[in-house]
PDB file of all heavy atoms in Angstrom:
ATOM      1  N   ASP A   1      47.065 -14.236  -8.950  1.00  0.00           N
ATOM      2  CA  ASP A   1      47.045 -15.530  -9.632  1.00  0.00           C
ATOM      3  C   ASP A   1      45.764 -16.292  -9.335  1.00  0.00           C
ATOM      4  O   ASP A   1      45.171 -16.909 -10.224  1.00  0.00           O
ATOM      5  CB  ASP A   1      48.265 -16.362  -9.213  1.00  0.00           C
ATOM      6  CG  ASP A   1      49.566 -15.697  -9.611  1.00  0.00           C
ATOM      7  OD1 ASP A   1      49.561 -14.971 -10.630  1.00  0.00           O
ATOM      8  OD2 ASP A   1      50.572 -15.885  -8.908  1.00  0.00           O
ATOM      9  N   ARG A   2      45.319 -16.248  -8.081  1.00  0.00           N
ATOM     10  CA  ARG A   2      44.099 -16.974  -7.719  1.00  0.00           C
ATOM     11  C   ARG A   2      42.875 -16.381  -8.417  1.00  0.00           C
ATOM     12  O   ARG A   2      42.030 -17.115  -8.930  1.00  0.00           O
ATOM     13  CB  ARG A   2      43.911 -16.952  -6.198  1.00  0.00           C
ATOM     14  CG  ARG A   2      44.953 -17.754  -5.446  1.00  0.00           C
ATOM     15  CD  ARG A   2      44.496 -18.039  -4.021  1.00  0.00           C
ATOM     16  NE  ARG A   2      44.332 -16.815  -3.247  1.00  0.00           N
ATOM     17  CZ  ARG A   2      45.268 -16.261  -2.518  1.00  0.00           C
ATOM     18  NH1 ARG A   2      46.487 -16.806  -2.476  1.00  0.00           N
ATOM     19  NH2 ARG A   2      45.040 -15.163  -1.819  1.00  0.00           N
ATOM     20  N   VAL A   3      42.790 -15.064  -8.414  1.00  0.00           N
ATOM     21  CA  VAL A   3      41.654 -14.418  -9.072  1.00  0.00           C
ATOM     22  C   VAL A   3      41.682 -14.683 -10.575  1.00  0.00           C
ATOM     23  O   VAL A   3      40.657 -14.984 -11.194  1.00  0.00           O
ATOM     24  CB  VAL A   3      41.661 -12.901  -8.791  1.00  0.00           C
ATOM     25  CG1 VAL A   3      40.611 -12.188  -9.630  1.00  0.00           C
ATOM     26  CG2 VAL A   3      41.402 -12.643  -7.319  1.00  0.00           C
ATOM     27  N   THR A   4      42.865 -14.598 -11.164  1.00  0.00           N
ATOM     28  CA  THR A   4      42.988 -14.858 -12.600  1.00  0.00           C
ATOM     29  C   THR A   4      42.568 -16.276 -12.936  1.00  0.00           C
ATOM     30  O   THR A   4      41.822 -16.511 -13.902  1.00  0.00           O
ATOM     31  CB  THR A   4      44.450 -14.622 -13.056  1.00  0.00           C
ATOM     32  OG1 THR A   4      44.834 -13.290 -12.719  1.00  0.00           O
ATOM     33  CG2 THR A   4      44.584 -14.831 -14.546  1.00  0.00           C
ATOM     34  N   GLU A   5      43.010 -17.235 -12.126  1.00  0.00           N
ATOM     35  CA  GLU A   5      42.651 -18.632 -12.368  1.00  0.00           C
ATOM     36  C   GLU A   5      41.152 -18.846 -12.190  1.00  0.00           C
ATOM     37  O   GLU A   5      40.509 -19.566 -12.969  1.00  0.00           O
ATOM     38  CB  GLU A   5      43.437 -19.529 -11.407  1.00  0.00           C
ATOM     39  CG  GLU A   5      43.158 -21.022 -11.579  1.00  0.00           C
ATOM     40  CD  GLU A   5      43.596 -21.544 -12.931  1.00  0.00           C
ATOM     41  OE1 GLU A   5      44.480 -20.914 -13.550  1.00  0.00           O
ATOM     42  OE2 GLU A   5      43.049 -22.567 -13.368  1.00  0.00           O
ATOM     43  N   LEU A   6      40.579 -18.222 -11.165  1.00  0.00           N
ATOM     44  CA  LEU A   6      39.143 -18.371 -10.916  1.00  0.00           C
ATOM     45  C   LEU A   6      38.322 -17.824 -12.076  1.00  0.00           C
ATOM     46  O   LEU A   6      37.361 -18.470 -12.542  1.00  0.00           O
ATOM     47  CB  LEU A   6      38.775 -17.645  -9.622  1.00  0.00           C
ATOM     48  CG  LEU A   6      37.288 -17.683  -9.214  1.00  0.00           C
ATOM     49  CD1 LEU A   6      36.856 -19.111  -8.947  1.00  0.00           C
ATOM     50  CD2 LEU A   6      37.049 -16.824  -7.990  1.00  0.00           C
ATOM     51  N   LEU A   7      38.685 -16.660 -12.572  1.00  0.00           N
ATOM     52  CA  LEU A   7      37.941 -16.079 -13.691  1.00  0.00           C
ATOM     53  C   LEU A   7      38.157 -16.885 -14.967  1.00  0.00           C
ATOM     54  O   LEU A   7      37.209 -17.095 -15.744  1.00  0.00           O
ATOM     55  CB  LEU A   7      38.378 -14.630 -13.900  1.00  0.00           C
ATOM     56  CG  LEU A   7      38.011 -13.656 -12.773  1.00  0.00           C
ATOM     57  CD1 LEU A   7      38.549 -12.272 -13.076  1.00  0.00           C
ATOM     58  CD2 LEU A   7      36.500 -13.595 -12.568  1.00  0.00           C
ATOM     59  N   HIS A   8      39.365 -17.352 -15.179  1.00  0.00           N
ATOM     60  CA  HIS A   8      39.635 -18.151 -16.371  1.00  0.00           C
ATOM     61  C   HIS A   8      38.875 -19.468 -16.346  1.00  0.00           C
ATOM     62  O   HIS A   8      38.501 -19.994 -17.403  1.00  0.00           O
ATOM     63  CB  HIS A   8      41.142 -18.408 -16.499  1.00  0.00           C
ATOM     64  CG  HIS A   8      41.887 -17.228 -17.027  1.00  0.00           C
ATOM     65  ND1 HIS A   8      43.262 -17.158 -17.058  1.00  0.00           N
ATOM     66  CD2 HIS A   8      41.453 -16.060 -17.548  1.00  0.00           C
ATOM     67  CE1 HIS A   8      43.646 -15.999 -17.574  1.00  0.00           C
ATOM     68  NE2 HIS A   8      42.562 -15.315 -17.869  1.00  0.00           N
ATOM     69  N   GLN A   9      38.642 -20.020 -15.161  1.00  0.00           N
ATOM     70  CA  GLN A   9      37.858 -21.250 -15.070  1.00  0.00           C
ATOM     71  C   GLN A   9      36.429 -21.021 -15.554  1.00  0.00           C
ATOM     72  O   GLN A   9      35.858 -21.866 -16.263  1.00  0.00           O
ATOM     73  CB  GLN A   9      37.851 -21.751 -13.619  1.00  0.00           C
ATOM     74  CG  GLN A   9      39.133 -22.428 -13.191  1.00  0.00           C
ATOM     75  CD  GLN A   9      39.087 -22.909 -11.759  1.00  0.00           C
ATOM     76  OE1 GLN A   9      38.082 -22.754 -11.073  1.00  0.00           O
ATOM     77  NE2 GLN A   9      40.181 -23.503 -11.288  1.00  0.00           N
ATOM     78  N   LYS A  10      35.842 -19.889 -15.190  1.00  0.00           N
ATOM     79  CA  LYS A  10      34.487 -19.581 -15.667  1.00  0.00           C
ATOM     80  C   LYS A  10      34.471 -19.436 -17.186  1.00  0.00           C
ATOM     81  O   LYS A  10      33.572 -19.949 -17.862  1.00  0.00           O
ATOM     82  CB  LYS A  10      33.982 -18.300 -15.015  1.00  0.00           C
ATOM     83  CG  LYS A  10      33.772 -18.417 -13.509  1.00  0.00           C
ATOM     84  CD  LYS A  10      33.230 -17.126 -12.923  1.00  0.00           C
ATOM     85  CE  LYS A  10      33.017 -17.269 -11.416  1.00  0.00           C
ATOM     86  NZ  LYS A  10      32.494 -16.034 -10.805  1.00  0.00           N
ATOM     87  N   LEU A  11      35.466 -18.734 -17.703  1.00  0.00           N
ATOM     88  CA  LEU A  11      35.531 -18.568 -19.152  1.00  0.00           C
ATOM     89  C   LEU A  11      35.811 -19.895 -19.846  1.00  0.00           C
ATOM     90  O   LEU A  11      35.251 -20.170 -20.918  1.00  0.00           O
ATOM     91  CB  LEU A  11      36.625 -17.551 -19.490  1.00  0.00           C
ATOM     92  CG  LEU A  11      36.686 -17.082 -20.945  1.00  0.00           C
ATOM     93  CD1 LEU A  11      35.381 -16.404 -21.342  1.00  0.00           C
ATOM     94  CD2 LEU A  11      37.850 -16.128 -21.155  1.00  0.00           C
ATOM     95  N   LYS A  12      36.639 -20.732 -19.220  1.00  0.00           N
ATOM     96  CA  LYS A  12      36.943 -22.035 -19.807  1.00  0.00           C
ATOM     97  C   LYS A  12      35.707 -22.929 -19.809  1.00  0.00           C
ATOM     98  O   LYS A  12      35.472 -23.681 -20.766  1.00  0.00           O
ATOM     99  CB  LYS A  12      38.083 -22.702 -19.027  1.00  0.00           C
ATOM    100  CG  LYS A  12      38.592 -23.986 -19.660  1.00  0.00           C
ATOM    101  CD  LYS A  12      39.783 -24.536 -18.913  1.00  0.00           C
ATOM    102  CE  LYS A  12      40.308 -25.807 -19.574  1.00  0.00           C
ATOM    103  NZ  LYS A  12      41.471 -26.358 -18.841  1.00  0.00           N
ATOM    104  N   GLN A  13      34.898 -22.856 -18.750  1.00  0.00           N
ATOM    105  CA  GLN A  13      33.650 -23.624 -18.725  1.00  0.00           C
ATOM    106  C   GLN A  13      32.734 -23.198 -19.856  1.00  0.00           C
ATOM    107  O   GLN A  13      32.085 -24.036 -20.490  1.00  0.00           O
ATOM    108  CB  GLN A  13      32.963 -23.445 -17.376  1.00  0.00           C
ATOM    109  CG  GLN A  13      33.654 -24.168 -16.222  1.00  0.00           C
ATOM    110  CD  GLN A  13      32.963 -23.929 -14.907  1.00  0.00           C
ATOM    111  OE1 GLN A  13      31.999 -23.174 -14.808  1.00  0.00           O
ATOM    112  NE2 GLN A  13      33.466 -24.555 -13.855  1.00  0.00           N
ATOM    113  N   SER A  14      32.684 -21.908 -20.113  1.00  0.00           N
ATOM    114  CA  SER A  14      31.877 -21.425 -21.232  1.00  0.00           C
ATOM    115  C   SER A  14      32.409 -21.961 -22.555  1.00  0.00           C
ATOM    116  O   SER A  14      31.630 -22.393 -23.423  1.00  0.00           O
ATOM    117  CB  SER A  14      31.870 -19.893 -21.234  1.00  0.00           C
ATOM    118  OG  SER A  14      31.173 -19.401 -22.357  1.00  0.00           O
ATOM    119  N   GLU A  15      33.722 -21.985 -22.721  1.00  0.00           N
ATOM    120  CA  GLU A  15      34.303 -22.502 -23.951  1.00  0.00           C
ATOM    121  C   GLU A  15      34.068 -24.010 -24.091  1.00  0.00           C
ATOM    122  O   GLU A  15      33.792 -24.503 -25.185  1.00  0.00           O
ATOM    123  CB  GLU A  15      35.801 -22.197 -23.974  1.00  0.00           C
ATOM    124  CG  GLU A  15      36.117 -20.711 -24.052  1.00  0.00           C
ATOM    125  CD  GLU A  15      37.601 -20.428 -23.920  1.00  0.00           C
ATOM    126  OE1 GLU A  15      38.348 -21.401 -23.624  1.00  0.00           O
ATOM    127  OE2 GLU A  15      38.008 -19.268 -24.114  1.00  0.00           O
ATOM    128  N   LEU A  16      34.161 -24.737 -22.972  1.00  0.00           N
ATOM    129  CA  LEU A  16      33.898 -26.181 -23.018  1.00  0.00           C
ATOM    130  C   LEU A  16      32.445 -26.453 -23.404  1.00  0.00           C
ATOM    131  O   LEU A  16      32.156 -27.393 -24.152  1.00  0.00           O
ATOM    132  CB  LEU A  16      34.218 -26.816 -21.663  1.00  0.00           C
ATOM    133  CG  LEU A  16      35.705 -26.888 -21.284  1.00  0.00           C
ATOM    134  CD1 LEU A  16      35.871 -27.453 -19.882  1.00  0.00           C
ATOM    135  CD2 LEU A  16      36.465 -27.760 -22.272  1.00  0.00           C
ATOM    136  N   MET A  17      31.540 -25.631 -22.886  1.00  0.00           N
ATOM    137  CA  MET A  17      30.134 -25.783 -23.279  1.00  0.00           C
ATOM    138  C   MET A  17      29.944 -25.510 -24.768  1.00  0.00           C
ATOM    139  O   MET A  17      29.128 -26.151 -25.426  1.00  0.00           O
ATOM    140  CB  MET A  17      29.262 -24.838 -22.450  1.00  0.00           C
ATOM    141  CG  MET A  17      29.074 -25.276 -21.010  1.00  0.00           C
ATOM    142  SD  MET A  17      27.926 -24.218 -20.116  1.00  0.00           S
ATOM    143  CE  MET A  17      27.841 -25.085 -18.542  1.00  0.00           C
ATOM    144  N   GLY A  18      30.725 -24.538 -25.285  1.00  0.00           N
ATOM    145  CA  GLY A  18      30.658 -24.284 -26.720  1.00  0.00           C
ATOM    146  C   GLY A  18      31.123 -25.484 -27.530  1.00  0.00           C
ATOM    147  O   GLY A  18      30.514 -25.839 -28.553  1.00  0.00           O
ATOM    148  N   LEU A  19      32.189 -26.145 -27.061  1.00  0.00           N
ATOM    149  CA  LEU A  19      32.654 -27.358 -27.743  1.00  0.00           C
ATOM    150  C   LEU A  19      31.633 -28.480 -27.636  1.00  0.00           C
ATOM    151  O   LEU A  19      31.413 -29.242 -28.592  1.00  0.00           O
ATOM    152  CB  LEU A  19      33.993 -27.807 -27.137  1.00  0.00           C
ATOM    153  CG  LEU A  19      35.176 -26.847 -27.331  1.00  0.00           C
ATOM    154  CD1 LEU A  19      36.398 -27.382 -26.603  1.00  0.00           C
ATOM    155  CD2 LEU A  19      35.483 -26.667 -28.815  1.00  0.00           C
ATOM    156  N   LYS A  20      30.992 -28.579 -26.467  1.00  0.00           N
ATOM    157  CA  LYS A  20      29.966 -29.601 -26.297  1.00  0.00           C
ATOM    158  C   LYS A  20      28.783 -29.331 -27.211  1.00  0.00           C
ATOM    159  O   LYS A  20      28.182 -30.261 -27.758  1.00  0.00           O
ATOM    160  CB  LYS A  20      29.518 -29.627 -24.831  1.00  0.00           C
ATOM    161  CG  LYS A  20      28.619 -30.808 -24.488  1.00  0.00           C
ATOM    162  CD  LYS A  20      28.317 -30.833 -23.002  1.00  0.00           C
ATOM    163  CE  LYS A  20      27.441 -32.047 -22.656  1.00  0.00           C
ATOM    164  NZ  LYS A  20      27.110 -32.076 -21.208  1.00  0.00           N
ATOM    165  N   LYS A  21      28.458 -28.075 -27.401  1.00  0.00           N
ATOM    166  CA  LYS A  21      27.373 -27.711 -28.317  1.00  0.00           C
ATOM    167  C   LYS A  21      27.728 -28.128 -29.742  1.00  0.00           C
ATOM    168  O   LYS A  21      26.869 -28.654 -30.485  1.00  0.00           O
ATOM    169  CB  LYS A  21      27.128 -26.204 -28.251  1.00  0.00           C
ATOM    170  CG  LYS A  21      26.070 -25.700 -29.219  1.00  0.00           C
ATOM    171  CD  LYS A  21      25.888 -24.210 -29.082  1.00  0.00           C
ATOM    172  CE  LYS A  21      24.900 -23.684 -30.116  1.00  0.00           C
ATOM    173  NZ  LYS A  21      25.416 -23.829 -31.486  1.00  0.00           N
ATOM    174  N   GLU A  22      28.972 -27.925 -30.145  1.00  0.00           N
ATOM    175  CA  GLU A  22      29.401 -28.360 -31.476  1.00  0.00           C
ATOM    176  C   GLU A  22      29.305 -29.871 -31.609  1.00  0.00           C
ATOM    177  O   GLU A  22      28.913 -30.386 -32.664  1.00  0.00           O
ATOM    178  CB  GLU A  22      30.832 -27.899 -31.734  1.00  0.00           C
ATOM    179  CG  GLU A  22      30.983 -26.387 -31.845  1.00  0.00           C
ATOM    180  CD  GLU A  22      32.409 -25.970 -32.098  1.00  0.00           C
ATOM    181  OE1 GLU A  22      33.262 -26.889 -32.217  1.00  0.00           O
ATOM    182  OE2 GLU A  22      32.684 -24.761 -32.178  1.00  0.00           O
ATOM    183  N   LEU A  23      29.644 -30.600 -30.543  1.00  0.00           N
ATOM    184  CA  LEU A  23      29.533 -32.059 -30.569  1.00  0.00           C
ATOM    185  C   LEU A  23      28.074 -32.478 -30.720  1.00  0.00           C
ATOM    186  O   LEU A  23      27.758 -33.396 -31.486  1.00  0.00           O
ATOM    187  CB  LEU A  23      30.124 -32.648 -29.284  1.00  0.00           C
ATOM    188  CG  LEU A  23      30.069 -34.174 -29.152  1.00  0.00           C
ATOM    189  CD1 LEU A  23      30.841 -34.833 -30.279  1.00  0.00           C
ATOM    190  CD2 LEU A  23      30.621 -34.620 -27.809  1.00  0.00           C
ATOM    191  N   MET A  24      27.162 -31.804 -29.996  1.00  0.00           N
ATOM    192  CA  MET A  24      25.736 -32.097 -30.137  1.00  0.00           C
ATOM    193  C   MET A  24      25.270 -31.825 -31.565  1.00  0.00           C
ATOM    194  O   MET A  24      24.472 -32.576 -32.131  1.00  0.00           O
ATOM    195  CB  MET A  24      24.921 -31.254 -29.154  1.00  0.00           C
ATOM    196  CG  MET A  24      25.162 -31.544 -27.683  1.00  0.00           C
ATOM    197  SD  MET A  24      24.666 -33.199 -27.158  1.00  0.00           S
ATOM    198  CE  MET A  24      26.271 -33.983 -27.007  1.00  0.00           C
ATOM    199  N   ALA A  25      25.781 -30.746 -32.155  1.00  0.00           N
ATOM    200  CA  ALA A  25      25.402 -30.415 -33.529  1.00  0.00           C
ATOM    201  C   ALA A  25      25.902 -31.479 -34.503  1.00  0.00           C
ATOM    202  O   ALA A  25      25.191 -31.858 -35.457  1.00  0.00           O
ATOM    203  CB  ALA A  25      25.958 -29.044 -33.903  1.00  0.00           C
ATOM    204  N   GLN A  26      27.103 -31.995 -34.271  1.00  0.00           N
ATOM    205  CA  GLN A  26      27.626 -33.051 -35.136  1.00  0.00           C
ATOM    206  C   GLN A  26      26.799 -34.328 -35.007  1.00  0.00           C
ATOM    207  O   GLN A  26      26.492 -34.984 -36.018  1.00  0.00           O
ATOM    208  CB  GLN A  26      29.084 -33.325 -34.777  1.00  0.00           C
ATOM    209  CG  GLN A  26      30.032 -32.174 -35.093  1.00  0.00           C
ATOM    210  CD  GLN A  26      31.446 -32.439 -34.624  1.00  0.00           C
ATOM    211  OE1 GLN A  26      31.749 -33.515 -34.077  1.00  0.00           O
ATOM    212  NE2 GLN A  26      32.344 -31.470 -34.818  1.00  0.00           N
ATOM    213  N   ARG A  27      26.439 -34.668 -33.784  1.00  0.00           N
ATOM    214  CA  ARG A  27      25.607 -35.859 -33.586  1.00  0.00           C
ATOM    215  C   ARG A  27      24.229 -35.677 -34.224  1.00  0.00           C
ATOM    216  O   ARG A  27      23.670 -36.611 -34.810  1.00  0.00           O
ATOM    217  CB  ARG A  27      25.471 -36.148 -32.096  1.00  0.00           C
ATOM    218  CG  ARG A  27      26.760 -36.607 -31.427  1.00  0.00           C
ATOM    219  CD  ARG A  27      26.557 -36.857 -29.946  1.00  0.00           C
ATOM    220  NE  ARG A  27      25.522 -37.842 -29.698  1.00  0.00           N
ATOM    221  CZ  ARG A  27      25.044 -38.146 -28.500  1.00  0.00           C
ATOM    222  NH1 ARG A  27      25.503 -37.508 -27.433  1.00  0.00           N
ATOM    223  NH2 ARG A  27      24.116 -39.053 -28.355  1.00  0.00           N
ATOM    224  N   ARG A  28      23.686 -34.486 -34.103  1.00  0.00           N
ATOM    225  CA  ARG A  28      22.378 -34.220 -34.720  1.00  0.00           C
ATOM    226  C   ARG A  28      22.476 -34.325 -36.242  1.00  0.00           C
ATOM    227  O   ARG A  28      21.581 -34.878 -36.901  1.00  0.00           O
ATOM    228  CB  ARG A  28      21.897 -32.834 -34.305  1.00  0.00           C
ATOM    229  CG  ARG A  28      20.574 -32.423 -34.930  1.00  0.00           C
ATOM    230  CD  ARG A  28      20.093 -31.098 -34.379  1.00  0.00           C
ATOM    231  NE  ARG A  28      21.094 -30.066 -34.534  1.00  0.00           N
ATOM    232  CZ  ARG A  28      21.320 -29.406 -35.672  1.00  0.00           C
ATOM    233  NH1 ARG A  28      20.615 -29.683 -36.759  1.00  0.00           N
ATOM    234  NH2 ARG A  28      22.254 -28.468 -35.717  1.00  0.00           N
ATOM    235  N   GLU A  29      23.572 -33.801 -36.802  1.00  0.00           N
ATOM    236  CA  GLU A  29      23.756 -33.897 -38.250  1.00  0.00           C
ATOM    237  C   GLU A  29      23.929 -35.351 -38.685  1.00  0.00           C
ATOM    238  O   GLU A  29      23.427 -35.753 -39.751  1.00  0.00           O
ATOM    239  CB  GLU A  29      24.979 -33.077 -38.659  1.00  0.00           C
ATOM    240  CG  GLU A  29      25.156 -32.914 -40.157  1.00  0.00           C
ATOM    241  CD  GLU A  29      24.039 -32.136 -40.813  1.00  0.00           C
ATOM    242  OE1 GLU A  29      23.396 -31.306 -40.127  1.00  0.00           O
ATOM    243  OE2 GLU A  29      23.797 -32.367 -42.016  1.00  0.00           O
ATOM    244  N   ALA A  30      24.635 -36.160 -37.858  1.00  0.00           N
ATOM    245  CA  ALA A  30      24.791 -37.585 -38.183  1.00  0.00           C
ATOM    246  C   ALA A  30      23.445 -38.301 -38.154  1.00  0.00           C
ATOM    247  O   ALA A  30      23.158 -39.155 -39.019  1.00  0.00           O
ATOM    248  CB  ALA A  30      25.752 -38.230 -37.188  1.00  0.00           C
ATOM    249  N   ALA A  31      22.591 -37.969 -37.183  1.00  0.00           N
ATOM    250  CA  ALA A  31      21.248 -38.569 -37.122  1.00  0.00           C
ATOM    251  C   ALA A  31      20.414 -38.153 -38.330  1.00  0.00           C
ATOM    252  O   ALA A  31      19.642 -38.953 -38.874  1.00  0.00           O
ATOM    253  CB  ALA A  31      20.555 -38.157 -35.824  1.00  0.00           C
ATOM    254  N   LEU A  32      20.581 -36.905 -38.757  1.00  0.00           N
ATOM    255  CA  LEU A  32      19.854 -36.444 -39.943  1.00  0.00           C
ATOM    256  C   LEU A  32      20.317 -37.176 -41.186  1.00  0.00           C
ATOM    257  O   LEU A  32      19.491 -37.562 -42.043  1.00  0.00           O
ATOM    258  CB  LEU A  32      20.052 -34.936 -40.096  1.00  0.00           C
ATOM    259  CG  LEU A  32      19.357 -34.281 -41.292  1.00  0.00           C
ATOM    260  CD1 LEU A  32      17.853 -34.480 -41.218  1.00  0.00           C
ATOM    261  CD2 LEU A  32      19.701 -32.796 -41.370  1.00  0.00           C
ATOM    262  N   GLU A  33      21.629 -37.390 -41.314  1.00  0.00           N
ATOM    263  CA  GLU A  33      22.156 -38.134 -42.455  1.00  0.00           C
ATOM    264  C   GLU A  33      21.653 -39.569 -42.457  1.00  0.00           C
ATOM    265  O   GLU A  33      21.311 -40.126 -43.514  1.00  0.00           O
ATOM    266  CB  GLU A  33      23.688 -38.107 -42.432  1.00  0.00           C
ATOM    267  CG  GLU A  33      24.293 -36.738 -42.726  1.00  0.00           C
ATOM    268  CD  GLU A  33      23.976 -36.259 -44.124  1.00  0.00           C
ATOM    269  OE1 GLU A  33      23.855 -37.114 -45.028  1.00  0.00           O
ATOM    270  OE2 GLU A  33      23.828 -35.039 -44.317  1.00  0.00           O
ATOM    271  N   GLU A  34      21.597 -40.178 -41.276  1.00  0.00           N
ATOM    272  CA  GLU A  34      21.069 -41.550 -41.191  1.00  0.00           C
ATOM    273  C   GLU A  34      19.606 -41.583 -41.607  1.00  0.00           C
ATOM    274  O   GLU A  34      19.162 -42.509 -42.306  1.00  0.00           O
ATOM    275  CB  GLU A  34      21.237 -42.071 -39.765  1.00  0.00           C
ATOM    276  CG  GLU A  34      20.802 -43.517 -39.597  1.00  0.00           C
ATOM    277  CD  GLU A  34      21.011 -44.025 -38.180  1.00  0.00           C
ATOM    278  OE1 GLU A  34      21.532 -43.262 -37.345  1.00  0.00           O
ATOM    279  OE2 GLU A  34      20.621 -45.196 -37.912  1.00  0.00           O
ATOM    280  N   GLN A  35      18.848 -40.580 -41.177  1.00  0.00           N
ATOM    281  CA  GLN A  35      17.433 -40.519 -41.565  1.00  0.00           C
ATOM    282  C   GLN A  35      17.297 -40.360 -43.083  1.00  0.00           C
ATOM    283  O   GLN A  35      16.445 -41.013 -43.709  1.00  0.00           O
ATOM    284  CB  GLN A  35      16.755 -39.350 -40.854  1.00  0.00           C
ATOM    285  CG  GLN A  35      15.302 -39.158 -41.260  1.00  0.00           C
ATOM    286  CD  GLN A  35      14.689 -37.929 -40.614  1.00  0.00           C
ATOM    287  OE1 GLN A  35      15.235 -37.381 -39.664  1.00  0.00           O
ATOM    288  NE2 GLN A  35      13.574 -37.485 -41.142  1.00  0.00           N
TER     289      GLN A  35
END
């Protein structure tokens, strides 16, 4: 259980970064629309 949780945390961090990247892309698109 500990090893599974530890590995899943690394994978979850990668997924959270992917969501953050999508948020950055949305903000960039909003700035482009404003421009």
